[in-house]
C-alpha atoms as a PDB file:
ATOM      1  CA  MET A   1      -5.927   6.540  -1.474  1.00  0.00           C
ATOM      2  CA  ILE A   2      -6.602   3.009  -0.292  1.00  0.00           C
ATOM      3  CA  THR A   3      -7.165   0.309  -2.891  1.00  0.00           C
ATOM      4  CA  ASP A   4      -7.627  -3.423  -2.818  1.00  0.00           C
ATOM      5  CA  GLN A   5      -5.257  -5.665  -4.771  1.00  0.00           C
ATOM      6  CA  ALA A   6      -8.005  -7.936  -6.155  1.00  0.00           C
ATOM      7  CA  MET A   7     -10.357  -5.967  -8.381  1.00  0.00           C
ATOM      8  CA  PRO A   8     -12.009  -6.588 -11.750  1.00  0.00           C
ATOM      9  CA  ARG A   9     -10.064  -5.463 -14.851  1.00  0.00           C
ATOM     10  CA  MET A  10      -7.144  -3.985 -12.890  1.00  0.00           C
ATOM     11  CA  THR A  11      -5.119  -4.916  -9.814  1.00  0.00           C
ATOM     12  CA  GLY A  12      -4.472  -2.492  -6.996  1.00  0.00           C
ATOM     13  CA  ILE A  13      -0.805  -2.366  -8.013  1.00  0.00           C
ATOM     14  CA  GLU A  14      -1.816  -1.357 -11.544  1.00  0.00           C
ATOM     15  CA  LEU A  15      -4.191   1.302 -10.201  1.00  0.00           C
ATOM     16  CA  ILE A  16      -1.498   2.741  -7.949  1.00  0.00           C
ATOM     17  CA  ALA A  17       0.950   2.887 -10.886  1.00  0.00           C
ATOM     18  CA  ALA A  18      -1.628   4.693 -13.054  1.00  0.00           C
ATOM     19  CA  ILE A  19      -2.428   7.185 -10.304  1.00  0.00           C
ATOM     20  CA  LYS A  20       1.250   7.781  -9.459  1.00  0.00           C
ATOM     21  CA  ALA A  21       1.857   8.631 -13.130  1.00  0.00           C
ATOM     22  CA  GLU A  22      -0.661  11.480 -12.807  1.00  0.00           C
ATOM     23  CA  ARG A  23      -0.125  12.432  -9.151  1.00  0.00           C
ATOM     24  CA  PRO A  24       3.259  11.154  -7.936  1.00  0.00           C
ATOM     25  CA  GLY A  25       2.934  12.693  -4.482  1.00  0.00           C
ATOM     26  CA  LEU A  26      -0.401  11.074  -3.635  1.00  0.00           C
ATOM     27  CA  ALA A  27      -0.201   8.774  -0.613  1.00  0.00           C
ATOM     28  CA  THR A  28      -1.407   5.249  -1.423  1.00  0.00           C
ATOM     29  CA  ILE A  29      -2.096   2.086   0.575  1.00  0.00           C
ATOM     30  CA  LEU A  30      -2.508  -1.367  -0.923  1.00  0.00           C
ATOM     31  CA  ALA A  31      -4.973  -3.510   1.020  1.00  0.00           C
ATOM     32  CA  THR A  32      -4.643  -7.210   0.313  1.00  0.00           C
ATOM     33  CA  GLY A  33      -5.542 -10.585   1.685  1.00  0.00           C
ATOM     34  CA  TYR A  34      -2.766 -12.224  -0.314  1.00  0.00           C
ATOM     35  CA  ALA A  35       0.398 -13.305   1.480  1.00  0.00           C
ATOM     36  CA  GLU A  36       2.575 -12.695  -1.559  1.00  0.00           C
ATOM     37  CA  LEU A  37       2.464  -9.911  -4.101  1.00  0.00           C
ATOM     38  CA  PRO A  38       4.008  -9.844  -7.584  1.00  0.00           C
ATOM     39  CA  PRO A  39       7.790  -9.253  -7.588  1.00  0.00           C
ATOM     40  CA  GLU A  40       7.392  -5.881  -9.317  1.00  0.00           C
ATOM     41  CA  THR A  41       5.578  -4.481  -6.256  1.00  0.00           C
ATOM     42  CA  ASP A  42       7.495  -1.508  -4.865  1.00  0.00           C
ATOM     43  CA  PRO A  43       8.880  -2.625  -1.485  1.00  0.00           C
ATOM     44  CA  SER A  44       8.271   0.859  -0.063  1.00  0.00           C
ATOM     45  CA  GLN A  45       4.571   0.691  -0.990  1.00  0.00           C
ATOM     46  CA  PRO A  46       2.554   0.721   2.246  1.00  0.00           C
ATOM     47  CA  LYS A  47       0.453  -2.424   2.522  1.00  0.00           C
ATOM     48  CA  LEU A  48      -2.450  -3.295   4.758  1.00  0.00           C
ATOM     49  CA  ALA A  49      -3.073  -6.996   5.369  1.00  0.00           C
ATOM     50  CA  LYS A  50      -6.741  -8.008   5.375  1.00  0.00           C
ATOM     51  CA  PRO A  51      -8.544  -8.437   7.589  1.00  0.00           C
ATOM     52  CA  PHE A  52      -7.212  -5.452   9.483  1.00  0.00           C
ATOM     53  CA  ARG A  53      -8.005  -3.675  12.704  1.00  0.00           C
ATOM     54  CA  GLN A  54      -8.581   0.046  13.093  1.00  0.00           C
ATOM     55  CA  ASP A  55      -5.170   0.587  14.732  1.00  0.00           C
ATOM     56  CA  GLU A  56      -3.499  -1.138  11.749  1.00  0.00           C
ATOM     57  CA  LEU A  57      -5.349   1.193   9.397  1.00  0.00           C
ATOM     58  CA  VAL A  58      -4.089   4.184  11.397  1.00  0.00           C
ATOM     59  CA  GLN A  59      -0.509   2.850  11.164  1.00  0.00           C
ATOM     60  CA  ALA A  60      -0.849   2.320   7.408  1.00  0.00           C
ATOM     61  CA  VAL A  61      -2.102   5.876   6.898  1.00  0.00           C
ATOM     62  CA  GLU A  62       0.748   7.265   8.985  1.00  0.00           C
ATOM     63  CA  LEU A  63       3.240   5.210   6.970  1.00  0.00           C
ATOM     64  CA  ALA A  64       1.715   6.289   3.650  1.00  0.00           C
ATOM     65  CA  MET A  65       2.058   9.922   4.693  1.00  0.00           C
ATOM     66  CA  THR A  66       5.825   9.602   5.270  1.00  0.00           C
ATOM     67  CA  GLU A  67       8.409  10.145   2.577  1.00  0.00           C
ATOM     68  CA  PRO A  68       9.211   6.899   0.698  1.00  0.00           C
ATOM     69  CA  THR A  69      12.881   7.187   1.698  1.00  0.00           C
ATOM     70  CA  GLU A  70      11.874   7.145   5.370  1.00  0.00           C
ATOM     71  CA  ARG A  71       9.568   4.122   5.060  1.00  0.00           C
ATOM     72  CA  ARG A  72      12.307   1.530   5.237  1.00  0.00           C
ATOM     73  CA  ILE A  73      13.059   2.742   8.761  1.00  0.00           C
ATOM     74  CA  LEU A  74       9.458   2.244   9.883  1.00  0.00           C
ATOM     75  CA  LYS A  75       8.054  -1.241  10.239  1.00  0.00           C
ATOM     76  CA  PHE A  76       4.417  -1.988   9.614  1.00  0.00           C
ATOM     77  CA  GLY A  77       2.269  -5.019   9.040  1.00  0.00           C
ATOM     78  CA  ALA A  78       4.146  -7.573  11.146  1.00  0.00           C
ATOM     79  CA  ARG A  79       1.697  -9.841  12.867  1.00  0.00           C
END
């Protein structure tokens, strides 16, 4: 699932938390145009900086599909 951080009534981080409570194994990507996210954001949460290119989207999907314990090894989003 890909969600934006800035949405009405709920942030992307809140949506991801609600979905993970129901489906913990679901791969999620947080798309955001913000440079900084709230401190409670899971550091292993795959993020996609907006605007993004198609190859960056592919990398984010690949990262989201890896196990969270393996994500710290992979680097994504550095521009």
